[in-house]
Amino acid sequence: MPPLDSLDPSNLPTDPAVLRAALAEALRQLKTEKNRNQRLEWWVEELRTRLFGRKSEKPEGDNQRLLQFLVEGVAARKPEPTPEPPPPAPEPDKKGHGRAKIPKDLLRNEVVHDVPKKGQRCRDCRKVLIQIGEVTSERVEYVPACIHVERDVRLKYACPDPECRGTILLAPLPPRAVPKCKAAEGLIAYLVWQKYGAHKPLYRLQEDLANYGFPVHRSSMWEWLWGAALALEPITSFMTDEVKDSPVIETDETPVPLWDRERKVLRVGRQWVYNNPVHTVYEFTVDRKGKHPAAFLADSKGTLLSDAYSAYRTIARKSGGRLKNAFCMAHLRRLFWKAMGTDRDRALVGMAYIRALYDVEDEGRDLTPSKRKVLRQKKSKPILGKFEGWLKEQGPAVLPKSPIGKAISYAIKNWKELCLFTEDGRIRIDNNRSEQTLRPWALGRKNWLRFQSERGGKVAAIFGSLIASCRRHKKNPFEYLRDVLRRIPAHPPDRLGELTPARWKPKPERPRPKPDTS
């Protein structure tokens, strides 16, 4: 039959069979256009949310109250008999909202303010006043950074016999992390922290050092950083080996721009992160191919916690049972959150089931892995059973390509991997730790814009691993880097574990040199 657009409404065919066929085709086209328009509306809404919407996934107002009501229904807690409530205790005094106290471990520089000598007499009898006390107040001051020259003086000795002069001795220099480098360990540590911790580009650091009276070119600073990375690479290699040997490895990746010097174009490289309970290590690659995590995990045994990227599933399948996949529950929750604008009721029910699982995780946060597993078997598994039944019930009732349909199909497809955390107390319910350790790279992309070479990405991975691990263990990254750069040249190779951020203990600070006034 002719296309419907070509039919004249005033001159329709009179044959009932033709009319029925035309009506059926019109309904089919109408349904197709309706589905297409609905998909476009979902895409526009998601784009508006990304550009202008709230970044937090926490519901507000009525949505939050309804979610809490659904969570209580999902958990289905039975009321426990409660004894008679004790008499209410007196309410403690509420703390005010005054200024935060200044930390006690900061250095104090005392400035004494005295009354002028002429005014230290009584106004009535004119006798000299005596001190009866003092009133103190504190302010926090900032002292700008100071760049000084560290001069190494090597004493030289010779035989005093004028006829002999056979022996001449010169005191040796201590081994350096970066040989023949003009920058001392403190300056290198400052550059590493500023570039890879605070994400300052080298041209800004060049200006900072010039303001302190030390002009230096960016190419020189880069060579210092490259030399320091080579010196510290054994530490990150030791950390990487321990991560590979862990029973649970958490991983994720993020794109980073990479300049291709041969083609003169920007490529998309990848910064992969691998976490265990102790270390965070990064690995830079020029693309996202699955061969890179496969090579990293070639000798690992245990559980791989990640998102549902197909390469991770392929790695586990080809390992012959050596590796198992565990997927992130927070990724599933995010899919339900994205469906809030198009199917609020189903999205809130899905989020309520996941919130109930997280309530169990909060309860077992401080438990040992074995006790956490018992708790999950007792409380999380029944919730997951109800959740699975609800997903299978709602799946046929929604459009597969709608936001809620994608969330439900994602959960059903990956259900085994999403539930694996109940079988081992060492497995986290989500992969949020890996996502958090990748956030600094998102900030870095806005500052230094790109890696100029593959070598630059590898240097960033080395320093990023050390800085991220310092943050996890509440260690000062600058103090750590400066101390380790001083110690590693003479440190025994079989004791590298002592220099990892997790086990590092600072040595007593060396006395600060006096400025050269000559």
Protein backbone atom coordinates (compact mmCIF):
# COMPACT_ATOMS: atom_id res chain seq x y z
CA MET A 1 0.00 0.00 0.00
CA PRO A 2 1.17 3.62 -0.50
CA PRO A 3 2.91 5.50 2.36
CA LEU A 4 0.48 7.03 4.86
CA ASP A 5 1.92 10.52 4.27
CA SER A 6 0.73 10.33 0.65
CA LEU A 7 -2.92 9.50 1.52
CA ASP A 8 -5.48 12.27 1.04
CA PRO A 9 -7.88 12.42 4.06
CA SER A 10 -10.67 13.63 1.76
CA ASN A 11 -10.20 10.76 -0.66
CA LEU A 12 -9.65 7.63 1.43
CA PRO A 13 -10.07 4.19 -0.10
CA THR A 14 -13.50 2.57 0.37
CA ASP A 15 -12.30 -1.01 0.62
CA PRO A 16 -12.60 -2.07 4.35
CA ALA A 17 -9.57 -4.36 4.08
CA VAL A 18 -7.42 -1.50 2.77
CA LEU A 19 -8.72 0.82 5.50
CA ARG A 20 -7.93 -1.75 8.22
CA ALA A 21 -4.41 -2.16 6.83
CA ALA A 22 -3.96 1.62 6.71
CA LEU A 23 -5.19 1.98 10.29
CA ALA A 24 -2.89 -0.78 11.51
CA GLU A 25 0.08 0.86 9.79
CA ALA A 26 -0.90 4.26 11.24
CA LEU A 27 -1.03 2.80 14.76
CA ARG A 28 2.33 1.11 14.27
CA GLN A 29 3.95 4.35 13.08
CA LEU A 30 2.30 6.26 15.93
CA LYS A 31 3.71 3.83 18.49
CA THR A 32 7.16 4.05 16.90
CA GLU A 33 7.10 7.85 16.95
CA LYS A 34 5.79 7.87 20.52
CA ASN A 35 8.64 5.65 21.70
CA ARG A 36 11.16 7.77 19.79
CA ASN A 37 9.82 11.00 21.28
CA GLN A 38 9.88 9.43 24.74
CA ARG A 39 13.51 8.43 24.33
CA LEU A 40 14.36 11.96 23.17
CA GLU A 41 12.61 13.39 26.23
CA TRP A 42 14.64 11.07 28.49
CA TRP A 43 17.88 12.12 26.83
CA VAL A 44 17.01 15.82 27.08
CA GLU A 45 16.08 15.42 30.74
CA GLU A 46 19.30 13.57 31.51
CA LEU A 47 21.31 16.24 29.69
CA ARG A 48 19.53 19.01 31.61
CA THR A 49 20.21 17.19 34.87
CA ARG A 50 23.91 16.83 34.05
CA LEU A 51 24.25 20.49 33.11
CA PHE A 52 21.99 22.21 35.63
CA GLY A 53 20.70 19.60 38.09
CA ARG A 54 21.81 18.59 41.55
CA LYS A 55 24.85 16.34 41.66
CA SER A 56 23.75 14.68 44.91
CA GLU A 57 21.70 11.50 44.55
CA LYS A 58 19.96 12.01 47.89
CA PRO A 59 16.17 12.51 47.56
CA GLU A 60 14.63 15.55 49.22
CA GLY A 61 11.29 16.50 50.71
CA ASP A 62 8.42 14.12 49.97
CA ASN A 63 10.71 11.79 48.04
CA GLN A 64 12.94 11.37 51.08
CA ARG A 65 10.01 10.68 53.41
CA LEU A 66 8.52 8.18 50.97
CA LEU A 67 11.89 6.50 50.53
CA GLN A 68 12.30 6.12 54.30
CA PHE A 69 8.78 4.66 54.53
CA LEU A 70 9.59 2.14 51.79
CA VAL A 71 12.91 1.21 53.42
CA GLU A 72 11.15 0.36 56.65
CA GLY A 73 8.70 -1.79 54.71
CA VAL A 74 11.47 -3.56 52.80
CA ALA A 75 13.46 -4.31 55.94
CA ALA A 76 10.28 -5.66 57.60
CA ARG A 77 11.70 -5.32 61.07
CA LYS A 78 9.62 -6.95 63.78
CA PRO A 79 9.06 -4.74 66.81
CA GLU A 80 11.00 -5.96 69.82
CA PRO A 81 9.52 -5.71 73.30
CA THR A 82 10.94 -2.73 75.06
CA PRO A 83 11.20 -2.31 78.84
CA GLU A 84 9.76 0.65 80.64
CA PRO A 85 11.67 3.72 79.57
CA PRO A 86 13.94 5.18 82.26
CA PRO A 87 13.29 8.71 83.46
CA PRO A 88 14.66 11.26 81.03
CA ALA A 89 18.17 12.44 81.85
CA PRO A 90 18.80 16.16 82.09
CA GLU A 91 19.73 17.59 78.73
CA PRO A 92 23.43 18.49 78.46
CA ASP A 93 24.36 22.04 77.75
CA LYS A 94 24.31 22.62 74.04
CA LYS A 95 27.58 23.62 72.52
CA GLY A 96 27.57 27.00 70.95
CA HIS A 97 28.49 27.85 67.42
CA GLY A 98 31.62 29.80 68.30
CA ARG A 99 34.93 29.82 66.52
CA ALA A 100 36.79 26.58 66.00
CA LYS A 101 39.74 26.07 68.34
CA ILE A 102 43.24 26.51 66.98
CA PRO A 103 45.15 23.17 66.94
CA LYS A 104 47.50 22.80 69.91
CA ASP A 105 50.31 21.22 67.88
CA LEU A 106 50.94 24.38 65.83
CA LEU A 107 54.07 26.34 66.65
CA ARG A 108 53.50 29.34 68.92
CA ASN A 109 55.33 32.64 68.56
CA GLU A 110 54.68 34.73 71.64
CA VAL A 111 54.43 38.50 71.31
CA VAL A 112 54.27 40.39 74.64
CA HIS A 113 52.37 43.68 74.76
CA ASP A 114 53.22 45.85 77.78
CA VAL A 115 51.86 49.07 79.15
CA PRO A 116 54.25 52.00 78.57
CA LYS A 117 56.52 52.73 81.54
CA LYS A 118 55.07 56.18 81.98
CA GLY A 119 51.59 54.74 82.41
CA GLN A 120 52.51 52.11 85.04
CA ARG A 121 51.42 54.23 88.03
CA CYS A 122 48.23 54.31 90.05
CA ARG A 123 46.00 57.18 89.03
CA ASP A 124 45.08 57.92 92.67
CA CYS A 125 48.20 57.40 94.81
CA ARG A 126 50.75 57.45 91.99
CA LYS A 127 52.51 54.29 93.24
CA VAL A 128 54.18 51.97 90.70
CA LEU A 129 51.81 49.19 89.53
CA ILE A 130 52.74 45.53 89.89
CA GLN A 131 51.82 42.76 87.44
CA ILE A 132 48.93 40.61 88.68
CA GLY A 133 48.29 38.48 85.60
CA GLU A 134 47.95 38.42 81.85
CA VAL A 135 45.30 37.98 79.18
CA THR A 136 46.14 35.94 76.08
CA SER A 137 44.52 35.65 72.69
CA GLU A 138 45.65 33.79 69.59
CA ARG A 139 45.60 34.34 65.85
CA VAL A 140 46.87 32.09 63.08
CA GLU A 141 49.69 33.60 61.03
CA TYR A 142 51.14 32.46 57.72
CA VAL A 143 54.86 32.52 56.93
CA PRO A 144 55.63 32.35 53.19
CA ALA A 145 57.77 29.52 51.87
CA CYS A 146 61.50 30.07 51.91
CA ILE A 147 63.95 28.76 49.35
CA HIS A 148 67.54 28.45 50.55
CA VAL A 149 70.70 26.83 49.27
CA GLU A 150 71.96 23.69 50.96
CA ARG A 151 75.74 23.78 50.63
CA ASP A 152 77.62 20.50 50.95
CA VAL A 153 81.15 21.01 52.29
CA ARG A 154 83.37 17.96 51.77
CA LEU A 155 86.45 17.96 53.99
CA LYS A 156 89.71 17.00 52.33
CA TYR A 157 92.73 15.38 54.06
CA ALA A 158 96.36 14.77 53.04
CA CYS A 159 99.53 13.34 54.54
CA PRO A 160 101.45 16.08 56.47
CA ASP A 161 104.89 14.71 55.49
CA PRO A 162 106.18 16.95 52.66
CA GLU A 163 108.31 14.10 51.33
CA CYS A 164 105.45 11.61 51.31
CA ARG A 165 102.16 13.19 50.26
CA GLY A 166 100.98 9.68 49.46
CA THR A 167 97.44 9.79 50.74
CA ILE A 168 94.69 12.28 49.93
CA LEU A 169 91.20 11.68 51.27
CA LEU A 170 87.97 13.49 50.33
CA ALA A 171 84.78 12.96 52.29
CA PRO A 172 82.21 11.27 50.03
CA LEU A 173 78.80 12.74 49.31
CA PRO A 174 75.84 10.73 50.60
CA PRO A 175 73.93 8.88 47.86
CA ARG A 176 71.23 10.94 46.15
CA ALA A 177 67.87 9.81 44.84
CA VAL A 178 68.42 11.93 41.72
CA PRO A 179 72.20 12.08 41.07
CA LYS A 180 73.73 15.40 39.94
CA CYS A 181 70.42 17.17 40.46
CA LYS A 182 70.43 20.84 41.37
CA ALA A 183 67.21 20.44 43.38
CA ALA A 184 67.38 18.99 46.89
CA GLU A 185 64.85 16.50 48.22
CA GLY A 186 62.63 19.14 49.79
CA LEU A 187 62.27 21.09 46.54
CA ILE A 188 61.54 17.92 44.55
CA ALA A 189 58.92 16.87 47.12
CA TYR A 190 57.34 20.32 46.87
CA LEU A 191 57.13 20.09 43.07
CA VAL A 192 55.69 16.57 43.21
CA TRP A 193 53.03 17.54 45.73
CA GLN A 194 52.08 20.75 43.94
CA LYS A 195 51.84 19.14 40.48
CA TYR A 196 50.33 15.74 41.31
CA GLY A 197 48.62 16.49 44.62
CA ALA A 198 47.40 20.09 44.15
CA HIS A 199 47.40 19.70 40.32
CA LYS A 200 49.32 22.85 39.48
CA PRO A 201 50.79 22.96 35.96
CA LEU A 202 54.54 23.43 35.69
CA TYR A 203 54.22 26.92 34.25
CA ARG A 204 52.51 28.05 37.47
CA LEU A 205 55.21 26.40 39.56
CA GLN A 206 57.80 28.15 37.41
CA GLU A 207 56.19 31.47 38.33
CA ASP A 208 56.01 30.54 42.03
CA LEU A 209 59.71 29.69 42.21
CA ALA A 210 60.59 32.88 40.36
CA ASN A 211 58.64 34.85 42.96
CA TYR A 212 60.76 33.18 45.65
CA GLY A 213 63.93 34.30 43.85
CA PHE A 214 64.79 31.07 42.03
CA PRO A 215 64.11 31.25 38.27
CA VAL A 216 64.09 27.81 36.64
CA HIS A 217 62.76 26.49 33.34
CA ARG A 218 59.92 24.00 33.10
CA SER A 219 62.08 21.50 31.22
CA SER A 220 64.49 21.38 34.17
CA MET A 221 61.66 20.79 36.63
CA TRP A 222 60.33 17.98 34.45
CA GLU A 223 63.73 16.26 34.40
CA TRP A 224 63.83 16.45 38.20
CA LEU A 225 60.37 14.89 38.42
CA TRP A 226 61.34 12.14 35.97
CA GLY A 227 64.46 11.32 37.98
CA ALA A 228 62.49 11.24 41.24
CA ALA A 229 59.89 8.94 39.65
CA LEU A 230 62.62 6.48 38.65
CA ALA A 231 63.95 6.55 42.22
CA LEU A 232 60.53 5.94 43.80
CA GLU A 233 59.30 3.38 41.27
CA PRO A 234 60.56 0.40 43.35
CA ILE A 235 58.20 1.46 46.16
CA THR A 236 55.16 1.59 43.87
CA SER A 237 56.21 -1.73 42.35
CA PHE A 238 56.27 -3.25 45.84
CA MET A 239 52.79 -1.80 46.51
CA THR A 240 51.55 -3.18 43.18
CA ASP A 241 52.77 -6.68 44.02
CA GLU A 242 50.92 -6.59 47.34
CA VAL A 243 47.74 -5.41 45.63
CA LYS A 244 47.99 -8.23 43.07
CA ASP A 245 48.32 -10.77 45.90
CA SER A 246 45.22 -9.49 47.72
CA PRO A 247 42.13 -11.74 47.99
CA VAL A 248 39.91 -8.76 47.02
CA ILE A 249 41.00 -6.17 44.44
CA GLU A 250 38.92 -3.09 43.68
CA THR A 251 39.38 -1.43 40.29
CA ASP A 252 38.06 1.33 38.08
CA GLU A 253 39.37 3.64 35.35
CA THR A 254 38.97 7.18 34.05
CA PRO A 255 39.87 8.87 30.74
CA VAL A 256 42.79 11.30 30.52
CA PRO A 257 43.77 13.30 27.43
CA LEU A 258 47.07 12.21 25.84
CA TRP A 259 48.95 14.17 23.18
CA ASP A 260 50.01 12.04 20.21
CA ARG A 261 53.22 13.65 18.96
CA GLU A 262 53.37 11.61 15.75
CA ARG A 263 49.83 12.35 14.58
CA LYS A 264 49.61 15.78 16.27
CA VAL A 265 46.20 14.97 17.76
CA LEU A 266 44.71 14.35 21.21
CA ARG A 267 44.06 10.74 22.11
CA VAL A 268 42.15 9.36 25.09
CA GLY A 269 44.41 7.50 27.49
CA ARG A 270 43.31 5.73 30.66
CA GLN A 271 44.34 5.90 34.28
CA TRP A 272 43.43 2.63 36.00
CA VAL A 273 43.24 2.33 39.79
CA TYR A 274 43.64 -0.83 41.86
CA ASN A 275 42.87 -0.83 45.59
CA ASN A 276 43.28 -3.26 48.42
CA PRO A 277 42.73 -2.49 52.12
CA VAL A 278 46.25 -1.03 52.40
CA HIS A 279 47.42 0.47 49.09
CA THR A 280 46.14 2.48 46.14
CA VAL A 281 48.09 2.08 42.90
CA TYR A 282 47.53 3.57 39.46
CA GLU A 283 48.50 2.29 36.03
CA PHE A 284 48.52 4.48 32.91
CA THR A 285 47.70 3.05 29.49
CA VAL A 286 47.24 4.64 26.08
CA ASP A 287 43.76 3.09 25.55
CA ARG A 288 40.95 1.21 27.31
CA LYS A 289 41.57 -2.25 25.87
CA GLY A 290 40.90 -5.15 28.20
CA LYS A 291 44.43 -6.51 27.74
CA HIS A 292 45.74 -3.96 30.25
CA PRO A 293 43.74 -5.07 33.32
CA ALA A 294 44.16 -8.67 32.11
CA ALA A 295 47.95 -8.28 32.27
CA PHE A 296 47.77 -6.63 35.70
CA LEU A 297 45.56 -9.41 37.09
CA ALA A 298 47.34 -12.29 35.33
CA ASP A 299 48.56 -13.87 38.59
CA SER A 300 45.85 -12.64 40.98
CA LYS A 301 43.47 -14.96 42.81
CA GLY A 302 40.26 -13.98 44.53
CA THR A 303 37.54 -11.41 43.85
CA LEU A 304 37.59 -8.45 41.48
CA LEU A 305 35.23 -5.66 42.61
CA SER A 306 34.37 -3.28 39.78
CA ASP A 307 31.63 -1.87 37.60
CA ALA A 308 30.04 -4.02 34.90
CA TYR A 309 32.57 -3.20 32.18
CA SER A 310 32.59 -6.25 29.90
CA ALA A 311 36.39 -6.60 30.03
CA TYR A 312 36.26 -7.48 33.75
CA ARG A 313 33.75 -10.24 33.11
CA THR A 314 35.90 -11.55 30.27
CA ILE A 315 38.98 -11.59 32.51
CA ALA A 316 37.16 -13.61 35.17
CA ARG A 317 35.74 -16.04 32.59
CA LYS A 318 39.14 -16.69 31.04
CA SER A 319 40.82 -17.13 34.45
CA GLY A 320 39.33 -20.60 34.89
CA GLY A 321 37.85 -19.85 38.30
CA ARG A 322 40.94 -18.06 39.57
CA LEU A 323 39.04 -14.74 39.68
CA LYS A 324 35.41 -13.97 40.49
CA ASN A 325 33.46 -10.82 39.62
CA ALA A 326 31.70 -8.68 42.21
CA PHE A 327 29.82 -5.67 40.88
CA CYS A 328 29.06 -2.34 42.54
CA MET A 329 25.64 -1.80 44.14
CA ALA A 330 26.11 1.98 43.97
CA HIS A 331 26.14 1.77 40.16
CA LEU A 332 22.72 0.09 40.27
CA ARG A 333 21.41 2.71 42.66
CA ARG A 334 22.58 5.45 40.28
CA LEU A 335 20.53 3.91 37.46
CA PHE A 336 17.40 3.99 39.62
CA TRP A 337 18.19 7.59 40.54
CA LYS A 338 18.33 8.53 36.86
CA ALA A 339 14.85 7.03 36.43
CA MET A 340 13.32 9.28 39.09
CA GLY A 341 12.16 11.82 36.51
CA THR A 342 10.29 9.31 34.35
CA ASP A 343 9.09 6.59 36.76
CA ARG A 344 9.28 7.95 40.28
CA ASP A 345 7.34 5.19 42.04
CA ARG A 346 9.36 2.25 40.71
CA ALA A 347 12.64 4.15 41.09
CA LEU A 348 11.92 4.87 44.77
CA VAL A 349 11.11 1.23 45.44
CA GLY A 350 14.38 0.12 43.84
CA MET A 351 16.34 2.71 45.82
CA ALA A 352 14.54 1.62 49.01
CA TYR A 353 15.74 -1.97 48.61
CA ILE A 354 19.32 -0.76 48.13
CA ARG A 355 19.04 1.66 51.07
CA ALA A 356 17.95 -1.25 53.29
CA LEU A 357 21.09 -3.15 52.21
CA TYR A 358 23.24 -0.17 53.15
CA ASP A 359 21.57 0.00 56.57
CA VAL A 360 22.86 -3.53 57.19
CA GLU A 361 26.32 -2.41 56.03
CA ASP A 362 26.24 0.48 58.50
CA GLU A 363 25.39 -1.96 61.25
CA GLY A 364 28.36 -4.19 60.39
CA ARG A 365 30.89 -1.48 59.65
CA ASP A 366 33.11 -2.21 62.68
CA LEU A 367 32.75 -6.00 62.62
CA THR A 368 35.38 -8.51 61.55
CA PRO A 369 34.94 -10.00 58.06
CA SER A 370 33.66 -13.31 59.46
CA LYS A 371 31.05 -11.62 61.67
CA ARG A 372 30.10 -9.26 58.85
CA LYS A 373 29.41 -12.27 56.62
CA VAL A 374 27.11 -13.78 59.28
CA LEU A 375 25.24 -10.47 59.55
CA ARG A 376 24.82 -10.22 55.78
CA GLN A 377 23.58 -13.82 55.55
CA LYS A 378 21.02 -13.10 58.24
CA LYS A 379 19.74 -9.69 57.13
CA SER A 380 20.95 -8.82 53.61
CA LYS A 381 20.04 -12.09 51.87
CA PRO A 382 16.30 -11.87 52.73
CA ILE A 383 16.23 -8.30 51.40
CA LEU A 384 17.96 -9.41 48.21
CA GLY A 385 15.42 -12.21 47.81
CA LYS A 386 12.52 -9.74 47.96
CA PHE A 387 14.41 -7.38 45.67
CA GLU A 388 14.96 -10.07 43.03
CA GLY A 389 11.29 -11.02 43.08
CA TRP A 390 10.26 -7.41 42.60
CA LEU A 391 12.69 -6.95 39.71
CA LYS A 392 11.37 -10.02 37.87
CA GLU A 393 7.81 -8.86 38.46
CA GLN A 394 8.41 -5.32 37.15
CA GLY A 395 10.71 -6.22 34.25
CA PRO A 396 7.98 -7.19 31.72
CA ALA A 397 5.88 -4.13 32.68
CA VAL A 398 8.38 -1.45 31.57
CA LEU A 399 9.94 -0.46 28.28
CA PRO A 400 13.39 -2.10 27.97
CA LYS A 401 15.08 1.09 26.73
CA SER A 402 13.47 3.41 29.28
CA PRO A 403 15.59 4.57 32.25
CA ILE A 404 13.73 2.31 34.67
CA GLY A 405 13.91 -0.54 32.16
CA LYS A 406 17.67 -0.14 31.89
CA ALA A 407 18.02 -0.18 35.68
CA ILE A 408 15.93 -3.33 36.06
CA SER A 409 17.62 -5.17 33.17
CA TYR A 410 21.07 -4.18 34.55
CA ALA A 411 20.15 -5.66 37.93
CA ILE A 412 18.74 -8.90 36.50
CA LYS A 413 21.67 -9.40 34.11
CA ASN A 414 24.31 -8.87 36.82
CA TRP A 415 22.39 -10.24 39.80
CA LYS A 416 24.90 -12.95 40.74
CA GLU A 417 27.81 -10.50 40.76
CA LEU A 418 25.81 -7.85 42.67
CA CYS A 419 25.00 -10.36 45.45
CA LEU A 420 28.50 -11.82 45.84
CA PHE A 421 29.32 -9.48 48.73
CA THR A 422 27.07 -11.57 50.99
CA GLU A 423 29.39 -14.58 50.55
CA ASP A 424 32.56 -12.90 51.83
CA GLY A 425 32.82 -10.29 54.57
CA ARG A 426 35.95 -8.81 52.98
CA ILE A 427 34.07 -7.71 49.85
CA ARG A 428 32.60 -4.21 50.00
CA ILE A 429 29.04 -3.64 48.83
CA ASP A 430 30.17 -0.99 46.36
CA ASN A 431 33.20 0.26 44.50
CA ASN A 432 33.01 3.80 45.84
CA ARG A 433 36.57 3.74 47.17
CA SER A 434 37.93 3.32 43.65
CA GLU A 435 35.70 6.11 42.34
CA GLN A 436 36.87 8.43 45.10
CA THR A 437 40.53 7.75 44.34
CA LEU A 438 39.89 8.68 40.69
CA ARG A 439 38.28 12.03 41.49
CA PRO A 440 41.61 13.92 41.72
CA TRP A 441 42.28 13.07 38.07
CA ALA A 442 39.06 14.83 37.08
CA LEU A 443 40.35 17.96 38.82
CA GLY A 444 43.76 17.51 37.24
CA ARG A 445 42.31 17.34 33.73
CA LYS A 446 40.92 20.85 34.20
CA ASN A 447 44.31 22.22 35.31
CA TRP A 448 47.08 20.55 33.32
CA LEU A 449 44.67 19.67 30.45
CA ARG A 450 46.64 16.69 29.05
CA PHE A 451 49.67 14.42 29.26
CA GLN A 452 52.34 15.40 26.78
CA SER A 453 53.58 11.83 26.38
CA GLU A 454 53.10 8.29 27.59
CA ARG A 455 56.07 8.80 29.90
CA GLY A 456 54.21 11.70 31.51
CA GLY A 457 51.25 9.43 32.26
CA LYS A 458 53.50 6.82 33.86
CA VAL A 459 55.22 9.43 36.03
CA ALA A 460 51.80 10.68 37.13
CA ALA A 461 50.77 7.12 38.00
CA ILE A 462 53.85 6.64 40.22
CA PHE A 463 53.44 9.88 42.16
CA GLY A 464 49.64 9.57 42.21
CA SER A 465 49.92 6.13 43.84
CA LEU A 466 52.09 7.46 46.65
CA ILE A 467 49.99 10.58 47.24
CA ALA A 468 46.66 8.69 47.19
CA SER A 469 48.01 6.13 49.66
CA CYS A 470 49.25 8.92 51.92
CA ARG A 471 45.77 10.42 51.92
CA ARG A 472 44.22 7.07 52.82
CA HIS A 473 46.50 6.74 55.86
CA LYS A 474 46.32 10.42 56.92
CA LYS A 475 50.02 11.00 56.19
CA ASN A 476 51.40 14.36 55.03
CA PRO A 477 52.38 13.71 51.38
CA PHE A 478 55.07 16.41 51.31
CA GLU A 479 56.74 15.19 54.51
CA TYR A 480 56.54 11.61 53.25
CA LEU A 481 58.06 12.37 49.84
CA ARG A 482 60.87 14.48 51.26
CA ASP A 483 61.82 11.87 53.84
CA VAL A 484 61.63 8.91 51.45
CA LEU A 485 63.69 10.69 48.79
CA ARG A 486 66.41 11.14 51.41
CA ARG A 487 66.29 7.54 52.61
CA ILE A 488 65.73 5.43 49.53
CA PRO A 489 69.26 5.64 48.00
CA ALA A 490 70.73 3.75 50.96
CA HIS A 491 67.67 1.75 51.94
CA PRO A 492 67.95 -2.07 51.76
CA PRO A 493 65.93 -3.41 48.81
CA ASP A 494 64.49 -6.23 50.90
CA ARG A 495 62.87 -3.71 53.28
CA LEU A 496 61.00 -1.55 50.78
CA GLY A 497 57.76 -2.17 52.65
CA GLU A 498 58.96 0.21 55.36
CA LEU A 499 58.87 3.08 52.86
CA THR A 500 55.29 2.56 51.66
CA PRO A 501 52.83 5.20 52.94
CA ALA A 502 50.97 2.54 54.94
CA ARG A 503 54.06 1.63 57.02
CA TRP A 504 56.19 4.77 56.81
CA LYS A 505 57.30 6.36 60.06
CA PRO A 506 59.04 9.74 59.87
CA LYS A 507 62.51 10.21 61.25
CA PRO A 508 63.31 13.13 63.57
CA GLU A 509 63.53 16.38 61.64
CA ARG A 510 67.00 17.64 60.82
CA PRO A 511 67.89 21.09 62.19
CA ARG A 512 67.00 23.86 59.79
CA PRO A 513 70.09 25.53 58.30
CA LYS A 514 70.81 29.14 59.06
CA PRO A 515 70.64 31.60 56.15
CA ASP A 516 73.91 32.49 54.47
CA THR A 517 74.66 36.12 55.38
CA SER A 518 78.07 36.25 53.73
